[in-house]
PDB file of all heavy atoms in Angstrom:
ATOM      1  N   LEU A   1     131.704  50.219 -93.502  1.00  0.00           N
ATOM      2  CA  LEU A   1     130.855  50.145 -92.322  1.00  0.00           C
ATOM      3  C   LEU A   1     130.349  48.721 -92.226  1.00  0.00           C
ATOM      4  O   LEU A   1     129.461  48.305 -92.967  1.00  0.00           O
ATOM      5  CB  LEU A   1     129.701  51.138 -92.457  1.00  0.00           C
ATOM      6  CG  LEU A   1     130.128  52.598 -92.785  1.00  0.00           C
ATOM      7  CD1 LEU A   1     128.916  53.512 -92.846  1.00  0.00           C
ATOM      8  CD2 LEU A   1     131.148  53.094 -91.766  1.00  0.00           C
ATOM      9  N   ALA A   2     130.947  47.994 -91.308  1.00  0.00           N
ATOM     10  CA  ALA A   2     130.668  46.556 -91.206  1.00  0.00           C
ATOM     11  C   ALA A   2     129.256  46.328 -90.659  1.00  0.00           C
ATOM     12  O   ALA A   2     128.489  47.264 -90.412  1.00  0.00           O
ATOM     13  CB  ALA A   2     131.715  45.896 -90.321  1.00  0.00           C
ATOM     14  N   ASN A   3     128.926  45.086 -90.470  1.00  0.00           N
ATOM     15  CA  ASN A   3     127.602  44.675 -90.058  1.00  0.00           C
ATOM     16  C   ASN A   3     127.338  45.103 -88.604  1.00  0.00           C
ATOM     17  O   ASN A   3     127.522  44.336 -87.659  1.00  0.00           O
ATOM     18  CB  ASN A   3     127.470  43.165 -90.214  1.00  0.00           C
ATOM     19  CG  ASN A   3     126.195  42.632 -89.610  1.00  0.00           C
ATOM     20  OD1 ASN A   3     125.228  43.344 -89.434  1.00  0.00           O
ATOM     21  ND2 ASN A   3     126.217  41.342 -89.282  1.00  0.00           N
ATOM     22  N   ILE A   4     126.930  46.367 -88.433  1.00  0.00           N
ATOM     23  CA  ILE A   4     126.634  46.932 -87.111  1.00  0.00           C
ATOM     24  C   ILE A   4     125.334  47.723 -87.181  1.00  0.00           C
ATOM     25  O   ILE A   4     124.730  47.862 -88.253  1.00  0.00           O
ATOM     26  CB  ILE A   4     127.795  47.849 -86.625  1.00  0.00           C
ATOM     27  CG1 ILE A   4     128.127  48.905 -87.687  1.00  0.00           C
ATOM     28  CG2 ILE A   4     129.024  47.045 -86.284  1.00  0.00           C
ATOM     29  CD1 ILE A   4     129.208  49.883 -87.272  1.00  0.00           C
ATOM     30  N   ASP A   5     124.899  48.207 -86.049  1.00  0.00           N
ATOM     31  CA  ASP A   5     123.658  48.970 -85.944  1.00  0.00           C
ATOM     32  C   ASP A   5     123.614  50.104 -86.963  1.00  0.00           C
ATOM     33  O   ASP A   5     124.552  50.905 -87.045  1.00  0.00           O
ATOM     34  CB  ASP A   5     123.586  49.543 -84.508  1.00  0.00           C
ATOM     35  CG  ASP A   5     122.235  50.157 -84.178  1.00  0.00           C
ATOM     36  OD1 ASP A   5     121.603  50.734 -85.070  1.00  0.00           O
ATOM     37  OD2 ASP A   5     121.825  50.052 -83.005  1.00  0.00           O
ATOM     38  N   PRO A   6     122.540  50.199 -87.769  1.00  0.00           N
ATOM     39  CA  PRO A   6     122.452  51.305 -88.746  1.00  0.00           C
ATOM     40  C   PRO A   6     122.554  52.690 -88.119  1.00  0.00           C
ATOM     41  O   PRO A   6     123.021  53.633 -88.776  1.00  0.00           O
ATOM     42  CB  PRO A   6     121.064  51.101 -89.372  1.00  0.00           C
ATOM     43  CG  PRO A   6     120.803  49.635 -89.233  1.00  0.00           C
ATOM     44  CD  PRO A   6     121.425  49.257 -87.909  1.00  0.00           C
ATOM     45  N   ASP A   7     122.157  52.839 -86.862  1.00  0.00           N
ATOM     46  CA  ASP A   7     122.334  54.132 -86.181  1.00  0.00           C
ATOM     47  C   ASP A   7     123.811  54.477 -86.059  1.00  0.00           C
ATOM     48  O   ASP A   7     124.200  55.643 -86.201  1.00  0.00           O
ATOM     49  CB  ASP A   7     121.670  54.108 -84.805  1.00  0.00           C
ATOM     50  CG  ASP A   7     120.161  54.298 -84.872  1.00  0.00           C
ATOM     51  OD1 ASP A   7     119.699  55.131 -85.666  1.00  0.00           O
ATOM     52  OD2 ASP A   7     119.454  53.584 -84.141  1.00  0.00           O
ATOM     53  N   ILE A   8     124.635  53.472 -85.786  1.00  0.00           N
ATOM     54  CA  ILE A   8     126.072  53.700 -85.693  1.00  0.00           C
ATOM     55  C   ILE A   8     126.639  53.999 -87.068  1.00  0.00           C
ATOM     56  O   ILE A   8     127.495  54.879 -87.239  1.00  0.00           O
ATOM     57  CB  ILE A   8     126.778  52.464 -85.064  1.00  0.00           C
ATOM     58  CG1 ILE A   8     126.282  52.238 -83.640  1.00  0.00           C
ATOM     59  CG2 ILE A   8     128.300  52.662 -85.080  1.00  0.00           C
ATOM     60  CD1 ILE A   8     126.887  51.014 -82.966  1.00  0.00           C
ATOM     61  N   GLN A   9     126.171  53.287 -88.085  1.00  0.00           N
ATOM     62  CA  GLN A   9     126.633  53.550 -89.442  1.00  0.00           C
ATOM     63  C   GLN A   9     126.299  54.973 -89.860  1.00  0.00           C
ATOM     64  O   GLN A   9     127.144  55.670 -90.460  1.00  0.00           O
ATOM     65  CB  GLN A   9     125.978  52.548 -90.401  1.00  0.00           C
ATOM     66  CG  GLN A   9     126.435  51.113 -90.181  1.00  0.00           C
ATOM     67  CD  GLN A   9     125.676  50.103 -91.023  1.00  0.00           C
ATOM     68  OE1 GLN A   9     124.494  50.310 -91.355  1.00  0.00           O
ATOM     69  NE2 GLN A   9     126.320  49.005 -91.392  1.00  0.00           N
ATOM     70  N   LEU A  10     125.107  55.447 -89.520  1.00  0.00           N
ATOM     71  CA  LEU A  10     124.713  56.826 -89.864  1.00  0.00           C
ATOM     72  C   LEU A  10     125.554  57.835 -89.085  1.00  0.00           C
ATOM     73  O   LEU A  10     125.912  58.902 -89.601  1.00  0.00           O
ATOM     74  CB  LEU A  10     123.232  57.035 -89.588  1.00  0.00           C
ATOM     75  CG  LEU A  10     122.283  56.355 -90.576  1.00  0.00           C
ATOM     76  CD1 LEU A  10     120.859  56.380 -90.045  1.00  0.00           C
ATOM     77  CD2 LEU A  10     122.353  57.049 -91.941  1.00  0.00           C
ATOM     78  N   ASP A  11     125.883  57.520 -87.835  1.00  0.00           N
ATOM     79  CA  ASP A  11     126.722  58.397 -87.025  1.00  0.00           C
ATOM     80  C   ASP A  11     128.088  58.568 -87.667  1.00  0.00           C
ATOM     81  O   ASP A  11     128.633  59.682 -87.748  1.00  0.00           O
ATOM     82  CB  ASP A  11     126.853  57.820 -85.614  1.00  0.00           C
ATOM     83  CG  ASP A  11     127.654  58.725 -84.682  1.00  0.00           C
ATOM     84  OD1 ASP A  11     127.691  59.952 -84.918  1.00  0.00           O
ATOM     85  OD2 ASP A  11     128.252  58.204 -83.714  1.00  0.00           O
ATOM     86  N   VAL A  12     128.654  57.454 -88.183  1.00  0.00           N
ATOM     87  CA  VAL A  12     129.950  57.524 -88.850  1.00  0.00           C
ATOM     88  C   VAL A  12     129.838  58.372 -90.121  1.00  0.00           C
ATOM     89  O   VAL A  12     130.700  59.232 -90.388  1.00  0.00           O
ATOM     90  CB  VAL A  12     130.461  56.124 -89.194  1.00  0.00           C
ATOM     91  CG1 VAL A  12     131.734  56.195 -90.040  1.00  0.00           C
ATOM     92  CG2 VAL A  12     130.742  55.339 -87.918  1.00  0.00           C
ATOM     93  N   LEU A  13     128.774  58.173 -90.881  1.00  0.00           N
ATOM     94  CA  LEU A  13     128.585  58.938 -92.112  1.00  0.00           C
ATOM     95  C   LEU A  13     128.458  60.443 -91.823  1.00  0.00           C
ATOM     96  O   LEU A  13     128.927  61.270 -92.597  1.00  0.00           O
ATOM     97  CB  LEU A  13     127.346  58.429 -92.857  1.00  0.00           C
ATOM     98  CG  LEU A  13     127.487  57.045 -93.501  1.00  0.00           C
ATOM     99  CD1 LEU A  13     126.134  56.531 -93.973  1.00  0.00           C
ATOM    100  CD2 LEU A  13     128.478  57.097 -94.662  1.00  0.00           C
ATOM    101  N   ASN A  14     127.843  60.777 -90.710  1.00  0.00           N
ATOM    102  CA  ASN A  14     127.711  62.189 -90.336  1.00  0.00           C
ATOM    103  C   ASN A  14     129.046  62.792 -89.914  1.00  0.00           C
ATOM    104  O   ASN A  14     129.269  64.000 -90.071  1.00  0.00           O
ATOM    105  CB  ASN A  14     126.685  62.346 -89.207  1.00  0.00           C
ATOM    106  CG  ASN A  14     125.264  62.059 -89.670  1.00  0.00           C
ATOM    107  OD1 ASN A  14     124.950  62.230 -90.844  1.00  0.00           O
ATOM    108  ND2 ASN A  14     124.411  61.611 -88.757  1.00  0.00           N
ATOM    109  N   GLN A  15     129.943  61.946 -89.371  1.00  0.00           N
ATOM    110  CA  GLN A  15     131.249  62.436 -88.935  1.00  0.00           C
ATOM    111  C   GLN A  15     132.278  62.473 -90.056  1.00  0.00           C
ATOM    112  O   GLN A  15     133.173  63.322 -90.068  1.00  0.00           O
ATOM    113  CB  GLN A  15     131.796  61.542 -87.829  1.00  0.00           C
ATOM    114  CG  GLN A  15     131.053  61.561 -86.515  1.00  0.00           C
ATOM    115  CD  GLN A  15     131.750  60.681 -85.487  1.00  0.00           C
ATOM    116  OE1 GLN A  15     132.916  60.872 -85.158  1.00  0.00           O
ATOM    117  NE2 GLN A  15     131.019  59.687 -84.994  1.00  0.00           N
ATOM    118  N   ALA A  16     132.162  61.518 -90.985  1.00  0.00           N
ATOM    119  CA  ALA A  16     133.186  61.341 -92.024  1.00  0.00           C
ATOM    120  C   ALA A  16     133.273  62.578 -92.905  1.00  0.00           C
ATOM    121  O   ALA A  16     132.257  63.080 -93.383  1.00  0.00           O
ATOM    122  CB  ALA A  16     132.909  60.112 -92.862  1.00  0.00           C
ATOM    123  N   ASN A  17     134.480  63.062 -93.117  1.00  0.00           N
ATOM    124  CA  ASN A  17     134.700  64.251 -93.928  1.00  0.00           C
ATOM    125  C   ASN A  17     135.217  63.833 -95.309  1.00  0.00           C
ATOM    126  O   ASN A  17     136.344  63.350 -95.446  1.00  0.00           O
ATOM    127  CB  ASN A  17     135.701  65.174 -93.237  1.00  0.00           C
ATOM    128  CG  ASN A  17     135.869  66.494 -93.972  1.00  0.00           C
ATOM    129  OD1 ASN A  17     135.034  66.853 -94.812  1.00  0.00           O
ATOM    130  ND2 ASN A  17     136.939  67.207 -93.683  1.00  0.00           N
ATOM    131  N   SER A  18     134.377  63.994 -96.323  1.00  0.00           N
ATOM    132  CA  SER A  18     134.753  63.713 -97.707  1.00  0.00           C
ATOM    133  C   SER A  18     135.373  62.330 -97.894  1.00  0.00           C
ATOM    134  O   SER A  18     136.513  62.193 -98.377  1.00  0.00           O
ATOM    135  CB  SER A  18     135.736  64.770 -98.214  1.00  0.00           C
ATOM    136  OG  SER A  18     135.178  66.059 -98.126  1.00  0.00           O
ATOM    137  N   PRO A  19     134.648  61.274 -97.486  1.00  0.00           N
ATOM    138  CA  PRO A  19     135.199  59.931 -97.727  1.00  0.00           C
ATOM    139  C   PRO A  19     135.367  59.674 -99.208  1.00  0.00           C
ATOM    140  O   PRO A  19     134.565  60.132-100.030  1.00  0.00           O
ATOM    141  CB  PRO A  19     134.141  59.002 -97.110  1.00  0.00           C
ATOM    142  CG  PRO A  19     132.870  59.801 -97.130  1.00  0.00           C
ATOM    143  CD  PRO A  19     133.299  61.218 -96.907  1.00  0.00           C
ATOM    144  N   LYS A  20     136.412  58.937 -99.563  1.00  0.00           N
ATOM    145  CA  LYS A  20     136.665  58.640-100.972  1.00  0.00           C
ATOM    146  C   LYS A  20     135.577  57.728-101.531  1.00  0.00           C
ATOM    147  O   LYS A  20     135.156  57.856-102.687  1.00  0.00           O
ATOM    148  CB  LYS A  20     138.034  57.975-101.110  1.00  0.00           C
ATOM    149  CG  LYS A  20     138.440  57.629-102.526  1.00  0.00           C
ATOM    150  CD  LYS A  20     139.911  57.277-102.628  1.00  0.00           C
ATOM    151  CE  LYS A  20     140.289  56.100-101.745  1.00  0.00           C
ATOM    152  NZ  LYS A  20     141.704  55.721-101.912  1.00  0.00           N
ATOM    153  N   LEU A  21     135.116  56.808-100.693  1.00  0.00           N
ATOM    154  CA  LEU A  21     134.093  55.851-101.094  1.00  0.00           C
ATOM    155  C   LEU A  21     133.556  55.206 -99.829  1.00  0.00           C
ATOM    156  O   LEU A  21     134.292  55.036 -98.854  1.00  0.00           O
ATOM    157  CB  LEU A  21     134.698  54.801-102.027  1.00  0.00           C
ATOM    158  CG  LEU A  21     133.812  53.709-102.605  1.00  0.00           C
ATOM    159  CD1 LEU A  21     134.288  53.333-104.011  1.00  0.00           C
ATOM    160  CD2 LEU A  21     133.837  52.457-101.736  1.00  0.00           C
ATOM    161  N   VAL A  22     132.286  54.862 -99.816  1.00  0.00           N
ATOM    162  CA  VAL A  22     131.681  54.229 -98.648  1.00  0.00           C
ATOM    163  C   VAL A  22     131.062  52.899 -99.052  1.00  0.00           C
ATOM    164  O   VAL A  22     130.280  52.822-100.019  1.00  0.00           O
ATOM    165  CB  VAL A  22     130.575  55.115 -98.012  1.00  0.00           C
ATOM    166  CG1 VAL A  22     129.893  54.387 -96.865  1.00  0.00           C
ATOM    167  CG2 VAL A  22     131.149  56.439 -97.543  1.00  0.00           C
ATOM    168  N   ALA A  23     131.432  51.842 -98.318  1.00  0.00           N
ATOM    169  CA  ALA A  23     130.824  50.514 -98.515  1.00  0.00           C
ATOM    170  C   ALA A  23     130.164  50.107 -97.214  1.00  0.00           C
ATOM    171  O   ALA A  23     130.658  50.434 -96.113  1.00  0.00           O
ATOM    172  CB  ALA A  23     131.880  49.501 -98.908  1.00  0.00           C
ATOM    173  N   LEU A  24     129.051  49.403 -97.312  1.00  0.00           N
ATOM    174  CA  LEU A  24     128.256  49.090 -96.136  1.00  0.00           C
ATOM    175  C   LEU A  24     127.774  47.650 -96.214  1.00  0.00           C
ATOM    176  O   LEU A  24     127.359  47.159 -97.268  1.00  0.00           O
ATOM    177  CB  LEU A  24     127.058  50.042 -96.061  1.00  0.00           C
ATOM    178  CG  LEU A  24     126.061  49.934 -94.902  1.00  0.00           C
ATOM    179  CD1 LEU A  24     125.537  51.322 -94.540  1.00  0.00           C
ATOM    180  CD2 LEU A  24     124.892  49.032 -95.270  1.00  0.00           C
ATOM    181  N   ASP A  25     127.825  46.973 -95.073  1.00  0.00           N
ATOM    182  CA  ASP A  25     127.332  45.605 -94.946  1.00  0.00           C
ATOM    183  C   ASP A  25     126.200  45.605 -93.913  1.00  0.00           C
ATOM    184  O   ASP A  25     126.083  46.522 -93.092  1.00  0.00           O
ATOM    185  CB  ASP A  25     128.476  44.693 -94.476  1.00  0.00           C
ATOM    186  CG  ASP A  25     128.145  43.215 -94.636  1.00  0.00           C
ATOM    187  OD1 ASP A  25     127.042  42.889 -95.126  1.00  0.00           O
ATOM    188  OD2 ASP A  25     128.992  42.378 -94.285  1.00  0.00           O
ATOM    189  N   THR A  26     125.358  44.574 -93.956  1.00  0.00           N
ATOM    190  CA  THR A  26     124.275  44.493 -92.965  1.00  0.00           C
ATOM    191  C   THR A  26     123.848  43.043 -92.815  1.00  0.00           C
ATOM    192  O   THR A  26     124.472  42.115 -93.383  1.00  0.00           O
ATOM    193  CB  THR A  26     123.081  45.366 -93.369  1.00  0.00           C
ATOM    194  OG1 THR A  26     122.207  45.505 -92.248  1.00  0.00           O
ATOM    195  CG2 THR A  26     122.312  44.771 -94.546  1.00  0.00           C
ATOM    196  N   MET A  27     122.783  42.797 -92.054  1.00  0.00           N
ATOM    197  CA  MET A  27     122.278  41.434 -91.845  1.00  0.00           C
ATOM    198  C   MET A  27     120.782  41.482 -91.590  1.00  0.00           C
ATOM    199  O   MET A  27     120.186  42.550 -91.422  1.00  0.00           O
ATOM    200  CB  MET A  27     122.997  40.765 -90.674  1.00  0.00           C
ATOM    201  CG  MET A  27     122.728  41.422 -89.334  1.00  0.00           C
ATOM    202  SD  MET A  27     123.591  40.638 -87.961  1.00  0.00           S
ATOM    203  CE  MET A  27     122.820  39.013 -87.948  1.00  0.00           C
ATOM    204  N   ASN A  28     120.156  40.300 -91.557  1.00  0.00           N
ATOM    205  CA  ASN A  28     118.693  40.234 -91.412  1.00  0.00           C
ATOM    206  C   ASN A  28     118.192  40.838 -90.107  1.00  0.00           C
ATOM    207  O   ASN A  28     117.087  41.373 -90.068  1.00  0.00           O
ATOM    208  CB  ASN A  28     118.222  38.785 -91.542  1.00  0.00           C
ATOM    209  CG  ASN A  28     118.906  37.848 -90.554  1.00  0.00           C
ATOM    210  OD1 ASN A  28     119.773  38.231 -89.797  1.00  0.00           O
ATOM    211  ND2 ASN A  28     118.495  36.590 -90.567  1.00  0.00           N
ATOM    212  N   PHE A  29     118.992  40.799 -89.038  1.00  0.00           N
ATOM    213  CA  PHE A  29     118.542  41.382 -87.762  1.00  0.00           C
ATOM    214  C   PHE A  29     118.245  42.865 -87.910  1.00  0.00           C
ATOM    215  O   PHE A  29     117.227  43.365 -87.417  1.00  0.00           O
ATOM    216  CB  PHE A  29     119.608  41.173 -86.682  1.00  0.00           C
ATOM    217  CG  PHE A  29     119.251  41.775 -85.357  1.00  0.00           C
ATOM    218  CD1 PHE A  29     118.384  41.130 -84.494  1.00  0.00           C
ATOM    219  CD2 PHE A  29     119.770  43.012 -84.962  1.00  0.00           C
ATOM    220  CE1 PHE A  29     118.048  41.687 -83.272  1.00  0.00           C
ATOM    221  CE2 PHE A  29     119.440  43.585 -83.754  1.00  0.00           C
ATOM    222  CZ  PHE A  29     118.565  42.923 -82.892  1.00  0.00           C
ATOM    223  N   TRP A  30     119.118  43.593 -88.617  1.00  0.00           N
ATOM    224  CA  TRP A  30     118.918  45.024 -88.799  1.00  0.00           C
ATOM    225  C   TRP A  30     117.788  45.302 -89.801  1.00  0.00           C
ATOM    226  O   TRP A  30     117.093  46.306 -89.678  1.00  0.00           O
ATOM    227  CB  TRP A  30     120.209  45.695 -89.232  1.00  0.00           C
ATOM    228  CG  TRP A  30     121.342  45.462 -88.296  1.00  0.00           C
ATOM    229  CD1 TRP A  30     122.550  44.882 -88.558  1.00  0.00           C
ATOM    230  CD2 TRP A  30     121.367  45.800 -86.893  1.00  0.00           C
ATOM    231  NE1 TRP A  30     123.325  44.822 -87.429  1.00  0.00           N
ATOM    232  CE2 TRP A  30     122.633  45.391 -86.394  1.00  0.00           C
ATOM    233  CE3 TRP A  30     120.482  46.399 -86.021  1.00  0.00           C
ATOM    234  CZ2 TRP A  30     123.005  45.550 -85.071  1.00  0.00           C
ATOM    235  CZ3 TRP A  30     120.843  46.571 -84.688  1.00  0.00           C
ATOM    236  CH2 TRP A  30     122.084  46.150 -84.223  1.00  0.00           C
ATOM    237  N   ILE A  31     117.628  44.425 -90.777  1.00  0.00           N
ATOM    238  CA  ILE A  31     116.511  44.588 -91.717  1.00  0.00           C
ATOM    239  C   ILE A  31     115.179  44.459 -90.981  1.00  0.00           C
ATOM    240  O   ILE A  31     114.237  45.203 -91.223  1.00  0.00           O
ATOM    241  CB  ILE A  31     116.605  43.541 -92.845  1.00  0.00           C
ATOM    242  CG1 ILE A  31     117.881  43.770 -93.668  1.00  0.00           C
ATOM    243  CG2 ILE A  31     115.377  43.623 -93.770  1.00  0.00           C
ATOM    244  CD1 ILE A  31     118.177  42.658 -94.675  1.00  0.00           C
ATOM    245  N   ASP A  32     115.111  43.518 -90.053  1.00  0.00           N
ATOM    246  CA  ASP A  32     113.878  43.307 -89.285  1.00  0.00           C
ATOM    247  C   ASP A  32     113.620  44.399 -88.249  1.00  0.00           C
ATOM    248  O   ASP A  32     112.491  44.812 -88.030  1.00  0.00           O
ATOM    249  CB  ASP A  32     113.917  41.945 -88.584  1.00  0.00           C
ATOM    250  CG  ASP A  32     113.793  40.775 -89.537  1.00  0.00           C
ATOM    251  OD1 ASP A  32     113.161  40.960 -90.586  1.00  0.00           O
ATOM    252  OD2 ASP A  32     114.343  39.699 -89.231  1.00  0.00           O
ATOM    253  N   SER A  33     114.691  44.872 -87.607  1.00  0.00           N
ATOM    254  CA  SER A  33     114.512  45.758 -86.464  1.00  0.00           C
ATOM    255  C   SER A  33     114.691  47.243 -86.776  1.00  0.00           C
ATOM    256  O   SER A  33     114.111  48.102 -86.075  1.00  0.00           O
ATOM    257  CB  SER A  33     115.482  45.374 -85.341  1.00  0.00           C
ATOM    258  OG  SER A  33     116.837  45.502 -85.766  1.00  0.00           O
TER     259      SER A  33
END
């Protein structure tokens, strides 16, 4: 889950069926907002 809106990242996690592994990136904009 690349550096995108955490709401979108959570949406993907809710859809994903038994992922083998999940890696996530972020940035200061999402940390602040």
